[in-house]
Amino acid sequence: MAALFSRIIPILFVGDLQAEREFYEALGFHVTYEGPEYPYFLALGHGKIEFGIEWRRDFSPGVLDRVLTWQFGVSDLELAKKRLAEVGVRYREELMTPSPDWQYRVLHARTPNGYHLLLEEGSE
């Protein structure tokens, strides 16, 4: 039987649509949809990844850590560190050790609207 669900396209609510857009464009994402039909929404993509950002008047960054960690797998963590540094995004690197025989590195950063951005190495 064919899979009914083929992909996930999350939408992040933001208070500053332009700042969030510029943040992701600086990281290498591109706008995949922007139009007059939805003036407070746009979609961003990079390879197979696509998501939306939408301005909300009642957006509150104070609750973000209770509802979402925005995690992306990256093929090259060193390149991700370089890209973040080039565009002036502060980050913290952490070595994760879920078990004695399993270790991987992640980068923690914040988007302009306060989302916790987690970049995980070795993910495809």
N, C-alpha and C. Protein backbone atom coordinates (compact mmCIF):
# COMPACT_ATOMS: atom_id res chain seq x y z
N MET A 1 0.84 -1.18 0.00
CA MET A 1 0.00 0.00 0.00
C MET A 1 0.89 1.24 0.00
N ALA A 2 0.58 2.19 -0.84
CA ALA A 2 1.34 3.44 -0.92
C ALA A 2 1.11 4.27 0.34
N ALA A 3 2.14 5.01 0.72
CA ALA A 3 2.03 5.87 1.89
C ALA A 3 1.03 6.98 1.62
N LEU A 4 0.15 7.20 2.56
CA LEU A 4 -0.83 8.27 2.44
C LEU A 4 -0.18 9.63 2.65
N PHE A 5 0.72 9.73 3.61
CA PHE A 5 1.38 10.99 3.93
C PHE A 5 2.76 11.00 3.28
N SER A 6 3.04 12.04 2.52
CA SER A 6 4.28 12.05 1.75
C SER A 6 5.35 13.02 2.25
N ARG A 7 4.95 14.05 2.99
CA ARG A 7 5.93 14.99 3.52
C ARG A 7 5.27 15.86 4.58
N ILE A 8 6.10 16.54 5.34
CA ILE A 8 5.60 17.46 6.35
C ILE A 8 6.08 18.86 5.97
N ILE A 9 5.19 19.81 6.05
CA ILE A 9 5.53 21.20 5.74
C ILE A 9 5.07 22.06 6.91
N PRO A 10 5.87 22.16 7.95
CA PRO A 10 5.47 22.94 9.12
C PRO A 10 5.41 24.44 8.80
N ILE A 11 4.63 25.14 9.58
CA ILE A 11 4.53 26.60 9.48
C ILE A 11 4.86 27.18 10.84
N LEU A 12 5.87 28.03 10.88
CA LEU A 12 6.27 28.71 12.11
C LEU A 12 5.60 30.07 12.17
N PHE A 13 4.97 30.38 13.27
CA PHE A 13 4.40 31.70 13.46
C PHE A 13 5.49 32.63 13.98
N VAL A 14 5.52 33.86 13.49
CA VAL A 14 6.57 34.82 13.85
C VAL A 14 5.96 36.19 14.09
N GLY A 15 6.71 37.02 14.80
CA GLY A 15 6.32 38.40 15.01
C GLY A 15 6.99 39.33 14.02
N ASP A 16 8.14 38.91 13.48
CA ASP A 16 8.89 39.70 12.51
C ASP A 16 9.19 38.83 11.30
N LEU A 17 8.31 38.87 10.31
CA LEU A 17 8.42 38.03 9.13
C LEU A 17 9.69 38.33 8.34
N GLN A 18 10.02 39.59 8.16
CA GLN A 18 11.18 39.97 7.36
C GLN A 18 12.49 39.51 8.01
N ALA A 19 12.63 39.66 9.32
CA ALA A 19 13.86 39.23 10.00
C ALA A 19 14.04 37.72 9.88
N GLU A 20 12.96 36.96 10.03
CA GLU A 20 13.05 35.50 9.94
C GLU A 20 13.41 35.09 8.50
N ARG A 21 12.79 35.76 7.54
CA ARG A 21 13.10 35.49 6.13
C ARG A 21 14.57 35.73 5.85
N GLU A 22 15.09 36.87 6.25
CA GLU A 22 16.49 37.21 6.00
C GLU A 22 17.44 36.24 6.68
N PHE A 23 17.08 35.76 7.87
CA PHE A 23 17.88 34.80 8.60
C PHE A 23 18.05 33.51 7.79
N TYR A 24 16.94 32.96 7.30
CA TYR A 24 17.02 31.71 6.55
C TYR A 24 17.65 31.90 5.17
N GLU A 25 17.40 33.03 4.54
CA GLU A 25 18.06 33.30 3.26
C GLU A 25 19.57 33.39 3.45
N ALA A 26 20.02 33.98 4.55
CA ALA A 26 21.46 34.06 4.83
C ALA A 26 22.07 32.68 5.05
N LEU A 27 21.27 31.73 5.53
CA LEU A 27 21.75 30.37 5.73
C LEU A 27 21.70 29.53 4.45
N GLY A 28 21.14 30.08 3.37
CA GLY A 28 21.12 29.38 2.10
C GLY A 28 19.75 28.90 1.64
N PHE A 29 18.70 29.18 2.40
CA PHE A 29 17.35 28.84 1.98
C PHE A 29 16.89 29.84 0.94
N HIS A 30 15.88 29.47 0.15
CA HIS A 30 15.31 30.39 -0.84
C HIS A 30 13.79 30.37 -0.71
N VAL A 31 13.17 31.44 -1.14
CA VAL A 31 11.72 31.55 -1.07
C VAL A 31 11.11 30.66 -2.16
N THR A 32 10.23 29.75 -1.75
CA THR A 32 9.55 28.87 -2.70
C THR A 32 8.13 29.31 -2.99
N TYR A 33 7.58 30.14 -2.11
CA TYR A 33 6.25 30.71 -2.36
C TYR A 33 6.16 32.05 -1.64
N GLU A 34 5.65 33.04 -2.35
CA GLU A 34 5.29 34.32 -1.77
C GLU A 34 4.29 34.94 -2.73
N GLY A 35 3.12 35.31 -2.24
CA GLY A 35 2.13 35.84 -3.15
C GLY A 35 1.05 36.65 -2.46
N PRO A 36 0.27 37.36 -3.25
CA PRO A 36 -0.78 38.22 -2.69
C PRO A 36 -1.93 37.43 -2.05
N GLU A 37 -2.04 36.15 -2.37
CA GLU A 37 -3.11 35.34 -1.77
C GLU A 37 -2.95 35.23 -0.26
N TYR A 38 -1.70 35.18 0.19
CA TYR A 38 -1.39 35.06 1.62
C TYR A 38 -0.29 36.09 1.94
N PRO A 39 -0.67 37.35 2.14
CA PRO A 39 0.34 38.41 2.27
C PRO A 39 1.22 38.32 3.52
N TYR A 40 0.82 37.56 4.52
CA TYR A 40 1.60 37.45 5.75
C TYR A 40 2.29 36.10 5.89
N PHE A 41 2.45 35.41 4.76
CA PHE A 41 3.02 34.06 4.74
C PHE A 41 4.01 33.95 3.59
N LEU A 42 5.06 33.16 3.82
CA LEU A 42 5.93 32.75 2.73
C LEU A 42 6.51 31.39 3.06
N ALA A 43 6.91 30.67 2.02
CA ALA A 43 7.52 29.35 2.19
C ALA A 43 8.98 29.44 1.81
N LEU A 44 9.80 28.68 2.51
CA LEU A 44 11.24 28.63 2.28
C LEU A 44 11.66 27.20 2.00
N GLY A 45 12.67 27.03 1.17
CA GLY A 45 13.14 25.69 0.86
C GLY A 45 14.65 25.63 0.72
N HIS A 46 15.14 24.42 0.89
CA HIS A 46 16.56 24.10 0.72
C HIS A 46 16.63 22.61 0.45
N GLY A 47 16.93 22.23 -0.79
CA GLY A 47 16.90 20.81 -1.14
C GLY A 47 15.51 20.25 -0.94
N LYS A 48 15.39 19.16 -0.19
CA LYS A 48 14.10 18.52 0.05
C LYS A 48 13.33 19.16 1.20
N ILE A 49 13.94 20.11 1.89
CA ILE A 49 13.31 20.74 3.05
C ILE A 49 12.45 21.92 2.60
N GLU A 50 11.24 21.99 3.12
CA GLU A 50 10.38 23.14 2.86
C GLU A 50 9.53 23.40 4.10
N PHE A 51 9.38 24.67 4.44
CA PHE A 51 8.53 25.07 5.55
C PHE A 51 8.05 26.49 5.31
N GLY A 52 7.04 26.87 6.08
CA GLY A 52 6.50 28.20 5.95
C GLY A 52 6.75 29.03 7.20
N ILE A 53 6.71 30.34 7.01
CA ILE A 53 6.72 31.26 8.15
C ILE A 53 5.56 32.22 7.92
N GLU A 54 4.85 32.50 9.00
CA GLU A 54 3.65 33.33 8.90
C GLU A 54 3.61 34.33 10.04
N TRP A 55 3.38 35.60 9.69
CA TRP A 55 3.27 36.64 10.70
C TRP A 55 1.96 36.50 11.44
N ARG A 56 2.05 36.60 12.76
CA ARG A 56 0.87 36.57 13.63
C ARG A 56 0.93 37.75 14.58
N ARG A 57 -0.14 38.50 14.65
CA ARG A 57 -0.20 39.67 15.54
C ARG A 57 0.02 39.25 17.00
N ASP A 58 -0.54 38.12 17.39
CA ASP A 58 -0.47 37.67 18.78
C ASP A 58 0.74 36.77 19.07
N PHE A 59 1.75 36.79 18.20
CA PHE A 59 2.93 35.96 18.39
C PHE A 59 3.60 36.29 19.72
N SER A 60 4.00 35.26 20.46
CA SER A 60 4.67 35.44 21.74
C SER A 60 5.90 34.55 21.82
N PRO A 61 7.10 35.14 21.77
CA PRO A 61 8.31 34.32 21.82
C PRO A 61 8.53 33.64 23.18
N GLY A 62 7.81 34.05 24.20
CA GLY A 62 7.99 33.49 25.53
C GLY A 62 7.59 32.03 25.67
N VAL A 63 6.82 31.50 24.74
CA VAL A 63 6.35 30.12 24.86
C VAL A 63 7.07 29.16 23.92
N LEU A 64 7.96 29.66 23.09
CA LEU A 64 8.56 28.83 22.04
C LEU A 64 9.27 27.60 22.57
N ASP A 65 10.06 27.73 23.62
CA ASP A 65 10.81 26.58 24.13
C ASP A 65 9.89 25.51 24.73
N ARG A 66 8.65 25.86 25.00
CA ARG A 66 7.71 24.87 25.53
C ARG A 66 7.01 24.10 24.43
N VAL A 67 7.11 24.58 23.17
CA VAL A 67 6.36 23.93 22.11
C VAL A 67 7.21 23.39 20.96
N LEU A 68 8.45 23.86 20.81
CA LEU A 68 9.18 23.44 19.61
C LEU A 68 10.69 23.60 19.76
N THR A 69 11.43 22.58 19.34
CA THR A 69 12.84 22.69 19.00
C THR A 69 12.90 22.49 17.50
N TRP A 70 13.42 23.45 16.79
CA TRP A 70 13.46 23.44 15.32
C TRP A 70 14.76 22.78 14.92
N GLN A 71 14.72 21.48 14.62
CA GLN A 71 15.92 20.68 14.40
C GLN A 71 16.10 20.34 12.92
N PHE A 72 17.31 20.59 12.43
CA PHE A 72 17.67 20.24 11.06
C PHE A 72 18.87 19.32 11.10
N GLY A 73 18.89 18.31 10.26
CA GLY A 73 20.08 17.50 10.06
C GLY A 73 20.96 18.19 9.04
N VAL A 74 22.25 18.19 9.28
CA VAL A 74 23.20 18.79 8.33
C VAL A 74 24.26 17.77 7.96
N SER A 75 24.73 17.86 6.73
CA SER A 75 25.72 16.90 6.25
C SER A 75 27.14 17.25 6.71
N ASP A 76 27.38 18.52 7.05
CA ASP A 76 28.72 18.97 7.42
C ASP A 76 28.61 20.01 8.52
N LEU A 77 28.87 19.62 9.75
CA LEU A 77 28.73 20.53 10.88
C LEU A 77 29.74 21.66 10.83
N GLU A 78 30.94 21.39 10.34
CA GLU A 78 31.95 22.45 10.23
C GLU A 78 31.50 23.53 9.25
N LEU A 79 30.90 23.11 8.15
CA LEU A 79 30.37 24.06 7.18
C LEU A 79 29.20 24.85 7.79
N ALA A 80 28.37 24.19 8.56
CA ALA A 80 27.26 24.87 9.24
C ALA A 80 27.80 25.91 10.22
N LYS A 81 28.84 25.57 10.97
CA LYS A 81 29.45 26.53 11.89
C LYS A 81 29.99 27.74 11.14
N LYS A 82 30.62 27.48 10.02
CA LYS A 82 31.18 28.56 9.20
C LYS A 82 30.07 29.47 8.69
N ARG A 83 28.99 28.87 8.19
CA ARG A 83 27.86 29.65 7.66
C ARG A 83 27.25 30.51 8.75
N LEU A 84 27.02 29.94 9.93
CA LEU A 84 26.46 30.71 11.04
C LEU A 84 27.36 31.88 11.40
N ALA A 85 28.66 31.62 11.49
CA ALA A 85 29.61 32.67 11.84
C ALA A 85 29.64 33.77 10.77
N GLU A 86 29.59 33.38 9.51
CA GLU A 86 29.63 34.35 8.41
C GLU A 86 28.46 35.32 8.45
N VAL A 87 27.31 34.85 8.89
CA VAL A 87 26.13 35.72 8.91
C VAL A 87 25.86 36.29 10.31
N GLY A 88 26.80 36.08 11.23
CA GLY A 88 26.71 36.71 12.55
C GLY A 88 25.75 36.06 13.52
N VAL A 89 25.48 34.78 13.35
CA VAL A 89 24.58 34.07 14.27
C VAL A 89 25.42 33.39 15.35
N ARG A 90 25.15 33.75 16.58
CA ARG A 90 25.84 33.10 17.70
C ARG A 90 25.31 31.68 17.87
N TYR A 91 26.19 30.76 18.23
CA TYR A 91 25.79 29.38 18.43
C TYR A 91 26.64 28.77 19.54
N ARG A 92 26.15 27.64 20.04
CA ARG A 92 26.89 26.87 21.04
C ARG A 92 26.97 25.44 20.52
N GLU A 93 28.16 24.86 20.58
CA GLU A 93 28.36 23.48 20.14
C GLU A 93 28.28 22.56 21.34
N GLU A 94 27.66 21.39 21.14
CA GLU A 94 27.52 20.42 22.22
C GLU A 94 27.77 19.01 21.69
N LEU A 95 28.51 18.22 22.45
CA LEU A 95 28.71 16.81 22.13
C LEU A 95 27.64 16.02 22.85
N MET A 96 26.82 15.32 22.08
CA MET A 96 25.75 14.50 22.65
C MET A 96 26.27 13.08 22.79
N THR A 97 26.01 12.45 23.93
CA THR A 97 26.44 11.08 24.19
C THR A 97 25.27 10.29 24.76
N PRO A 98 24.35 9.84 23.89
CA PRO A 98 23.20 9.09 24.38
C PRO A 98 23.56 7.75 25.03
N SER A 99 24.68 7.15 24.58
CA SER A 99 25.15 5.90 25.16
C SER A 99 26.67 5.85 24.95
N PRO A 100 27.36 4.94 25.64
CA PRO A 100 28.82 4.89 25.52
C PRO A 100 29.34 4.71 24.09
N ASP A 101 28.56 4.07 23.23
CA ASP A 101 29.03 3.82 21.86
C ASP A 101 28.35 4.71 20.81
N TRP A 102 27.73 5.81 21.25
CA TRP A 102 27.03 6.69 20.32
C TRP A 102 27.26 8.14 20.71
N GLN A 103 27.96 8.87 19.85
CA GLN A 103 28.22 10.28 20.06
C GLN A 103 27.99 11.05 18.77
N TYR A 104 27.50 12.27 18.90
CA TYR A 104 27.36 13.16 17.76
C TYR A 104 27.34 14.59 18.28
N ARG A 105 27.61 15.53 17.39
CA ARG A 105 27.66 16.94 17.76
C ARG A 105 26.44 17.67 17.24
N VAL A 106 26.05 18.69 18.00
CA VAL A 106 24.95 19.56 17.59
C VAL A 106 25.36 21.01 17.81
N LEU A 107 24.71 21.89 17.09
CA LEU A 107 24.86 23.33 17.30
C LEU A 107 23.52 23.88 17.75
N HIS A 108 23.56 24.73 18.76
CA HIS A 108 22.36 25.40 19.26
C HIS A 108 22.45 26.87 18.87
N ALA A 109 21.38 27.42 18.30
CA ALA A 109 21.32 28.84 17.95
C ALA A 109 19.89 29.31 18.15
N ARG A 110 19.67 30.59 17.95
CA ARG A 110 18.33 31.19 18.04
C ARG A 110 18.02 31.92 16.74
N THR A 111 16.79 31.79 16.27
CA THR A 111 16.36 32.55 15.11
C THR A 111 15.97 33.95 15.59
N PRO A 112 15.78 34.90 14.68
CA PRO A 112 15.42 36.26 15.10
C PRO A 112 14.13 36.34 15.93
N ASN A 113 13.21 35.40 15.72
CA ASN A 113 11.97 35.41 16.49
C ASN A 113 12.04 34.54 17.73
N GLY A 114 13.21 33.97 18.03
CA GLY A 114 13.43 33.26 19.28
C GLY A 114 13.32 31.75 19.24
N TYR A 115 13.14 31.16 18.06
CA TYR A 115 13.08 29.70 18.00
C TYR A 115 14.45 29.09 18.29
N HIS A 116 14.44 27.97 19.00
CA HIS A 116 15.67 27.22 19.27
C HIS A 116 15.99 26.42 18.02
N LEU A 117 17.06 26.80 17.33
CA LEU A 117 17.50 26.11 16.13
C LEU A 117 18.57 25.11 16.54
N LEU A 118 18.35 23.84 16.23
CA LEU A 118 19.29 22.77 16.57
C LEU A 118 19.76 22.13 15.28
N LEU A 119 21.05 22.18 15.02
CA LEU A 119 21.63 21.56 13.83
C LEU A 119 22.39 20.32 14.26
N GLU A 120 22.03 19.18 13.70
CA GLU A 120 22.60 17.89 14.09
C GLU A 120 23.45 17.35 12.96
N GLU A 121 24.69 16.97 13.29
CA GLU A 121 25.59 16.43 12.27
C GLU A 121 25.21 15.01 11.89
N GLY A 122 25.61 14.64 10.67
CA GLY A 122 25.44 13.27 10.22
C GLY A 122 24.04 12.86 9.86
N SER A 123 23.16 13.81 9.70
CA SER A 123 21.77 13.49 9.35
C SER A 123 21.56 13.75 7.88
N GLU A 124 20.72 12.95 7.27
CA GLU A 124 20.38 13.16 5.86
C GLU A 124 18.89 13.26 5.68
